[in-house]
């Protein structure tokens, strides 16, 4: 209890310090927030929003349920997971956060995965989507699409290696209940489209909020780095 209270007190002190800094350096904070909003408008939203809307529509229409039987032959030998787990892995790689984790949770909730299988699946199914890595980081941050492609390939390789590390030893445990199939989704295209757009808009709002906050928080570090670089470059 004492440690918990101490941590909470330290957190409150840090937050009070942030508020004081925001008030004392309001001009720089506003400038950093404006730069972050411009970055969101020019790079983040154009790159992510259409992709998030389309991937959300795929999920709503049952893309994972359709593709999982075709990948069942790979999930067992590689990761010792049932074929339905391939939907969480594929959607996590294509749709990005948090589609992979949500799909894995839905599989466990529906009884298609055991608790142990869901825990192992969560270790490597929740990933960044290729559009963010290629368009935002590659083209927007590094100014080179090839850098983004390399980042995406490294990301996929890391995901697969993580899945192999968490595959566990021995055979996959026998199920106490027979495997079930995915329920058929009786959803219309119009309603799925509306929900996908709404979900993408909500997700973009969260992403932009985090971008603005952390952009403001790292602005003092950027200023210190510029001063250090200026002194180092001017020194004989």
Foldseek 3Di string as FASTA:
>chain_A
DVVVVVVVVVVVVVVVVVVVVCVVPVVLLVVLLVVLVVLCVPFVCVLQLVQQLVLLLCVLQPVLLVCQVVCQVPCCVQQLAGSSLVSLQVSQAANAPPSSLVSLVVCVVVVQDPPLRSVLSVQQRHHGYLSCQQGCCACNVVNHSVRSVVVSVVSVVVSSVSSNVSSDDDHRDDDPDDHDGDDRNPDDSVVSSVVSSVVSVVVSVVVSVVSSVVSSVCVVVVVVVVVVVVVVVPDD
